[in-house]
C-alpha atoms as a PDB file:
ATOM      1  CA  MET A   1       0.006   0.072   0.064  1.00  0.00           C
ATOM      2  CA  PHE A   2       2.943   2.107   0.720  1.00  0.00           C
ATOM      3  CA  LEU A   3       3.860   2.159  -2.990  1.00  0.00           C
ATOM      4  CA  GLY A   4       0.260   3.419  -4.034  1.00  0.00           C
ATOM      5  CA  LEU A   5       0.397   5.908  -1.150  1.00  0.00           C
ATOM      6  CA  GLU A   6       3.498   7.458  -2.806  1.00  0.00           C
ATOM      7  CA  ARG A   7       2.035   7.362  -6.196  1.00  0.00           C
ATOM      8  CA  GLU A   8      -1.238   9.114  -5.069  1.00  0.00           C
ATOM      9  CA  TRP A   9       0.842  12.128  -3.648  1.00  0.00           C
ATOM     10  CA  SER A  10       2.714  12.052  -7.051  1.00  0.00           C
ATOM     11  CA  LYS A  11      -0.771  12.044  -8.855  1.00  0.00           C
ATOM     12  CA  LYS A  12       0.139   9.126 -10.946  1.00  0.00           C
ATOM     13  CA  ALA A  13      -2.279   6.948 -12.811  1.00  0.00           C
ATOM     14  CA  ALA A  14      -2.163   3.730 -10.243  1.00  0.00           C
ATOM     15  CA  GLY A  15      -2.870   4.832  -6.842  1.00  0.00           C
ATOM     16  CA  ILE A  16      -3.212   3.182  -3.250  1.00  0.00           C
ATOM     17  CA  ARG A  17      -6.268   1.359  -4.298  1.00  0.00           C
ATOM     18  CA  THR A  18      -4.919  -0.159  -7.253  1.00  0.00           C
ATOM     19  CA  PHE A  19      -1.662  -1.644  -5.375  1.00  0.00           C
ATOM     20  CA  ALA A  20      -3.729  -2.795  -2.434  1.00  0.00           C
ATOM     21  CA  LEU A  21      -5.883  -4.749  -4.812  1.00  0.00           C
ATOM     22  CA  ILE A  22      -2.816  -6.159  -6.706  1.00  0.00           C
ATOM     23  CA  SER A  23      -1.242  -7.254  -3.173  1.00  0.00           C
ATOM     24  CA  LEU A  24      -4.635  -8.787  -2.213  1.00  0.00           C
ATOM     25  CA  LEU A  25      -4.560 -10.554  -5.425  1.00  0.00           C
ATOM     26  CA  GLY A  26      -1.409 -12.002  -4.531  1.00  0.00           C
ATOM     27  CA  ALA A  27      -2.124 -13.030  -1.037  1.00  0.00           C
ATOM     28  CA  ILE A  28      -5.480 -14.828  -2.287  1.00  0.00           C
ATOM     29  CA  LEU A  29      -3.553 -16.947  -4.789  1.00  0.00           C
ATOM     30  CA  THR A  30      -0.919 -17.785  -2.264  1.00  0.00           C
ATOM     31  CA  ILE A  31      -3.619 -19.166   0.227  1.00  0.00           C
ATOM     32  CA  ILE A  32      -5.075 -20.942  -3.023  1.00  0.00           C
ATOM     33  CA  ASP A  33      -1.797 -22.350  -3.761  1.00  0.00           C
ATOM     34  CA  GLU A  34      -2.583 -23.112  -7.446  1.00  0.00           C
ATOM     35  CA  ALA A  35       0.149 -22.636  -9.968  1.00  0.00           C
ATOM     36  CA  SER A  36      -2.317 -22.000 -12.963  1.00  0.00           C
ATOM     37  CA  LEU A  37      -4.004 -19.317 -11.054  1.00  0.00           C
ATOM     38  CA  PHE A  38      -0.500 -17.508 -10.134  1.00  0.00           C
ATOM     39  CA  LEU A  39      -0.237 -17.396 -14.124  1.00  0.00           C
ATOM     40  CA  VAL A  40      -3.450 -16.108 -14.714  1.00  0.00           C
ATOM     41  CA  GLY A  41      -2.776 -13.765 -12.128  1.00  0.00           C
ATOM     42  CA  GLY A  42       0.708 -12.344 -13.730  1.00  0.00           C
ATOM     43  CA  PHE A  43      -0.955 -12.022 -17.231  1.00  0.00           C
ATOM     44  CA  LEU A  44      -3.622  -9.874 -15.511  1.00  0.00           C
ATOM     45  CA  ILE A  45      -0.995  -7.696 -13.978  1.00  0.00           C
ATOM     46  CA  ILE A  46       0.925  -7.544 -17.357  1.00  0.00           C
ATOM     47  CA  ALA A  47      -2.453  -6.350 -19.211  1.00  0.00           C
ATOM     48  CA  MET A  48      -2.942  -3.746 -16.521  1.00  0.00           C
ATOM     49  CA  SER A  49       0.424  -2.532 -16.986  1.00  0.00           C
ATOM     50  CA  ILE A  50       0.083  -2.308 -20.733  1.00  0.00           C
ATOM     51  CA  LEU A  51      -3.153  -0.512 -20.224  1.00  0.00           C
ATOM     52  CA  LEU A  52      -1.860   2.098 -18.092  1.00  0.00           C
ATOM     53  CA  ALA A  53       0.962   2.587 -20.438  1.00  0.00           C
ATOM     54  CA  VAL A  54      -1.150   3.215 -23.438  1.00  0.00           C
ATOM     55  CA  GLN A  55      -3.303   5.637 -21.297  1.00  0.00           C
ATOM     56  CA  SER A  56       0.151   7.598 -20.338  1.00  0.00           C
ATOM     57  CA  LEU A  57       0.771   7.711 -24.168  1.00  0.00           C
ATOM     58  CA  LEU A  58      -2.431   8.995 -24.833  1.00  0.00           C
ATOM     59  CA  GLU A  59      -2.548  11.607 -22.361  1.00  0.00           C
ATOM     60  CA  GLU A  60      -1.431  15.164 -23.657  1.00  0.00           C
ATOM     61  CA  GLU A  61       0.109  16.143 -20.335  1.00  0.00           C
ATOM     62  CA  GLU A  62       3.380  17.850 -20.797  1.00  0.00           C
ATOM     63  CA  GLU A  63       4.792  16.500 -17.629  1.00  0.00           C
ATOM     64  CA  ASP A  64       3.907  12.913 -17.692  1.00  0.00           C
ATOM     65  CA  THR A  65       4.316  11.627 -21.187  1.00  0.00           C
ATOM     66  CA  GLY A  66       5.967   8.373 -22.335  1.00  0.00           C
ATOM     67  CA  LEU A  67       5.532   4.853 -20.707  1.00  0.00           C
ATOM     68  CA  SER A  68       6.105   4.386 -17.260  1.00  0.00           C
ATOM     69  CA  LEU A  69       8.483   1.251 -16.598  1.00  0.00           C
ATOM     70  CA  THR A  70       8.372   2.143 -12.573  1.00  0.00           C
ATOM     71  CA  THR A  71       4.433   1.545 -12.584  1.00  0.00           C
ATOM     72  CA  SER A  72       4.966  -1.836 -14.156  1.00  0.00           C
ATOM     73  CA  VAL A  73       7.930  -2.856 -12.009  1.00  0.00           C
ATOM     74  CA  SER A  74       5.976  -1.868  -8.841  1.00  0.00           C
ATOM     75  CA  MET A  75       3.045  -3.659  -9.560  1.00  0.00           C
ATOM     76  CA  PHE A  76       4.799  -7.056 -10.291  1.00  0.00           C
ATOM     77  CA  ILE A  77       6.598  -6.146  -6.918  1.00  0.00           C
ATOM     78  CA  ALA A  78       3.460  -5.993  -5.104  1.00  0.00           C
ATOM     79  CA  TYR A  79       1.837  -8.677  -6.756  1.00  0.00           C
ATOM     80  CA  GLY A  80       5.051 -10.998  -6.312  1.00  0.00           C
ATOM     81  CA  SER A  81       5.616 -10.128  -2.548  1.00  0.00           C
ATOM     82  CA  ALA A  82       2.744 -12.206  -1.159  1.00  0.00           C
ATOM     83  CA  PHE A  83       4.577 -15.396  -2.922  1.00  0.00           C
ATOM     84  CA  SER A  84       7.824 -15.015  -0.732  1.00  0.00           C
END
């Protein structure tokens, strides 16, 4: 949630709710302990990262243009942290 909180303060696309839900998804899939669901969840995170990247490309704000690689990486960290 701290990743999302920082992004809320920076007024970025994915915020505290997004990162809390991603972490919750990872925790639920850890409890279920099904490898195929882990892959499905990973694909969902990839799809969300791609959609956020496309959204940032389509926005016409001068400050925040271009792909946001840190968003994608931090989503994977939030998702994967439940599995360790």
